Amino acid sequence: MPWFVYILKSLRYKKTYVGMTCDLKKRLHEHNRGQSFYTKAFRPWKLIYLEKLSNVKEARKKEKYFKSCAGRKIISKLLAQLI
C-alpha cells in the first residue's frame, strides 16, 4: 500500500502543514472540514506538494525531514516558486 507525504498551504494565513497518510483524498477532506485539531483554524487548505512512498517507514522519515530546519527551507523555496 502506498503512503503519501503532503504539504498544505493555508489560503488565508501564512501557514503550512506537513502530514502523511495512506488515504490522501480522505485526509485532505478532513483538513478542509475542520476535523484536524491543528488545521481547522487555518482553513481552507490547498495541496502544494505530494510525494508517493512505498511504505509507512519511508513516509515517516520524509515527514520528519520536512518538519526539520532543512526541510522548512525546502518548503520556503517551494512557496516562492508558487508566487
C-alpha atoms as a PDB file:
ATOM      1  CA  MET A   1       0.000   0.000   0.000  1.00  0.00           C
ATOM      2  CA  PRO A   2       1.493   3.372  -0.972  1.00  0.00           C
ATOM      3  CA  TRP A   3       1.863   6.172   1.540  1.00  0.00           C
ATOM      4  CA  PHE A   4       1.916   9.878   0.799  1.00  0.00           C
ATOM      5  CA  VAL A   5       3.728  12.802   2.358  1.00  0.00           C
ATOM      6  CA  TYR A   6       1.988  16.049   1.598  1.00  0.00           C
ATOM      7  CA  ILE A   7       2.328  19.750   2.230  1.00  0.00           C
ATOM      8  CA  LEU A   8      -0.678  22.004   2.562  1.00  0.00           C
ATOM      9  CA  LYS A   9      -0.782  25.786   2.401  1.00  0.00           C
ATOM     10  CA  SER A  10      -3.494  27.823   4.074  1.00  0.00           C
ATOM     11  CA  LEU A  11      -5.265  30.081   1.595  1.00  0.00           C
ATOM     12  CA  ARG A  12      -5.998  32.668   4.317  1.00  0.00           C
ATOM     13  CA  TYR A  13      -2.930  32.631   6.540  1.00  0.00           C
ATOM     14  CA  LYS A  14       0.835  32.244   6.200  1.00  0.00           C
ATOM     15  CA  LYS A  15       0.746  28.660   7.432  1.00  0.00           C
ATOM     16  CA  THR A  16       1.873  25.359   6.018  1.00  0.00           C
ATOM     17  CA  TYR A  17       1.190  21.870   7.255  1.00  0.00           C
ATOM     18  CA  VAL A  18       3.166  18.687   6.625  1.00  0.00           C
ATOM     19  CA  GLY A  19       1.485  15.325   7.017  1.00  0.00           C
ATOM     20  CA  MET A  20       1.422  11.722   5.866  1.00  0.00           C
ATOM     21  CA  THR A  21      -1.387   9.342   5.030  1.00  0.00           C
ATOM     22  CA  CYS A  22      -2.313   6.243   3.085  1.00  0.00           C
ATOM     23  CA  ASP A  23      -5.661   7.767   2.001  1.00  0.00           C
ATOM     24  CA  LEU A  24      -4.900  11.199   0.597  1.00  0.00           C
ATOM     25  CA  LYS A  25      -8.389  12.085  -0.597  1.00  0.00           C
ATOM     26  CA  LYS A  26      -9.923  11.312   2.815  1.00  0.00           C
ATOM     27  CA  ARG A  27      -7.202  13.171   4.706  1.00  0.00           C
ATOM     28  CA  LEU A  28      -7.492  16.335   2.605  1.00  0.00           C
ATOM     29  CA  HIS A  29     -11.247  16.257   3.109  1.00  0.00           C
ATOM     30  CA  GLU A  30     -10.715  16.017   6.878  1.00  0.00           C
ATOM     31  CA  HIS A  31      -8.377  19.019   6.887  1.00  0.00           C
ATOM     32  CA  ASN A  32     -10.799  21.201   4.947  1.00  0.00           C
ATOM     33  CA  ARG A  33     -13.828  20.081   7.003  1.00  0.00           C
ATOM     34  CA  GLY A  34     -12.127  21.096  10.256  1.00  0.00           C
ATOM     35  CA  GLN A  35     -11.686  17.561  11.560  1.00  0.00           C
ATOM     36  CA  SER A  36      -7.994  18.018  12.363  1.00  0.00           C
ATOM     37  CA  PHE A  37      -7.142  19.902  15.560  1.00  0.00           C
ATOM     38  CA  TYR A  38      -4.247  21.970  14.208  1.00  0.00           C
ATOM     39  CA  THR A  39      -5.535  22.679  10.713  1.00  0.00           C
ATOM     40  CA  LYS A  40      -9.153  23.591  11.438  1.00  0.00           C
ATOM     41  CA  ALA A  41      -8.322  27.176  12.439  1.00  0.00           C
ATOM     42  CA  PHE A  42      -6.490  27.898   9.187  1.00  0.00           C
ATOM     43  CA  ARG A  43      -8.928  26.582   6.590  1.00  0.00           C
ATOM     44  CA  PRO A  44      -9.171  26.371   3.620  1.00  0.00           C
ATOM     45  CA  TRP A  45      -6.098  24.397   2.628  1.00  0.00           C
ATOM     46  CA  LYS A  46      -4.505  23.841  -0.763  1.00  0.00           C
ATOM     47  CA  LEU A  47      -2.253  20.909  -1.610  1.00  0.00           C
ATOM     48  CA  ILE A  48       1.103  22.282  -2.797  1.00  0.00           C
ATOM     49  CA  TYR A  49       3.313  19.181  -2.651  1.00  0.00           C
ATOM     50  CA  LEU A  50       2.773  15.442  -2.792  1.00  0.00           C
ATOM     51  CA  GLU A  51       5.241  12.571  -2.699  1.00  0.00           C
ATOM     52  CA  LYS A  52       4.321   8.912  -3.009  1.00  0.00           C
ATOM     53  CA  LEU A  53       6.374   6.482  -0.925  1.00  0.00           C
ATOM     54  CA  SER A  54       6.306   2.714  -0.758  1.00  0.00           C
ATOM     55  CA  ASN A  55       5.798   2.206   2.982  1.00  0.00           C
ATOM     56  CA  VAL A  56       4.963   3.929   6.246  1.00  0.00           C
ATOM     57  CA  LYS A  57       8.575   3.914   7.467  1.00  0.00           C
ATOM     58  CA  GLU A  58       9.780   5.904   4.441  1.00  0.00           C
ATOM     59  CA  ALA A  59       6.825   8.269   4.726  1.00  0.00           C
ATOM     60  CA  ARG A  60       7.532   8.972   8.419  1.00  0.00           C
ATOM     61  CA  LYS A  61      11.197   9.662   7.633  1.00  0.00           C
ATOM     62  CA  LYS A  62      10.283  12.121   4.863  1.00  0.00           C
ATOM     63  CA  GLU A  63       7.656  13.824   7.027  1.00  0.00           C
ATOM     64  CA  LYS A  64      10.214  14.320   9.818  1.00  0.00           C
ATOM     65  CA  TYR A  65      12.656  15.772   7.287  1.00  0.00           C
ATOM     66  CA  PHE A  66      10.113  18.349   6.086  1.00  0.00           C
ATOM     67  CA  LYS A  67       9.467  19.334   9.704  1.00  0.00           C
ATOM     68  CA  SER A  68      13.188  19.911  10.317  1.00  0.00           C
ATOM     69  CA  CYS A  69      15.015  23.177   9.725  1.00  0.00           C
ATOM     70  CA  ALA A  70      16.441  21.956   6.399  1.00  0.00           C
ATOM     71  CA  GLY A  71      13.035  20.729   5.300  1.00  0.00           C
ATOM     72  CA  ARG A  72      11.379  24.042   6.149  1.00  0.00           C
ATOM     73  CA  LYS A  73      13.900  25.769   3.876  1.00  0.00           C
ATOM     74  CA  ILE A  74      12.822  23.474   1.032  1.00  0.00           C
ATOM     75  CA  ILE A  75       9.180  24.354   1.749  1.00  0.00           C
ATOM     76  CA  SER A  76      10.027  28.073   1.673  1.00  0.00           C
ATOM     77  CA  LYS A  77      11.658  27.653  -1.744  1.00  0.00           C
ATOM     78  CA  LEU A  78       8.640  25.722  -2.967  1.00  0.00           C
ATOM     79  CA  LEU A  79       6.316  28.511  -1.796  1.00  0.00           C
ATOM     80  CA  ALA A  80       8.484  31.142  -3.500  1.00  0.00           C
ATOM     81  CA  GLN A  81       8.094  29.277  -6.798  1.00  0.00           C
ATOM     82  CA  LEU A  82       4.304  29.324  -6.457  1.00  0.00           C
ATOM     83  CA  ILE A  83       4.146  33.133  -6.286  1.00  0.00           C
END
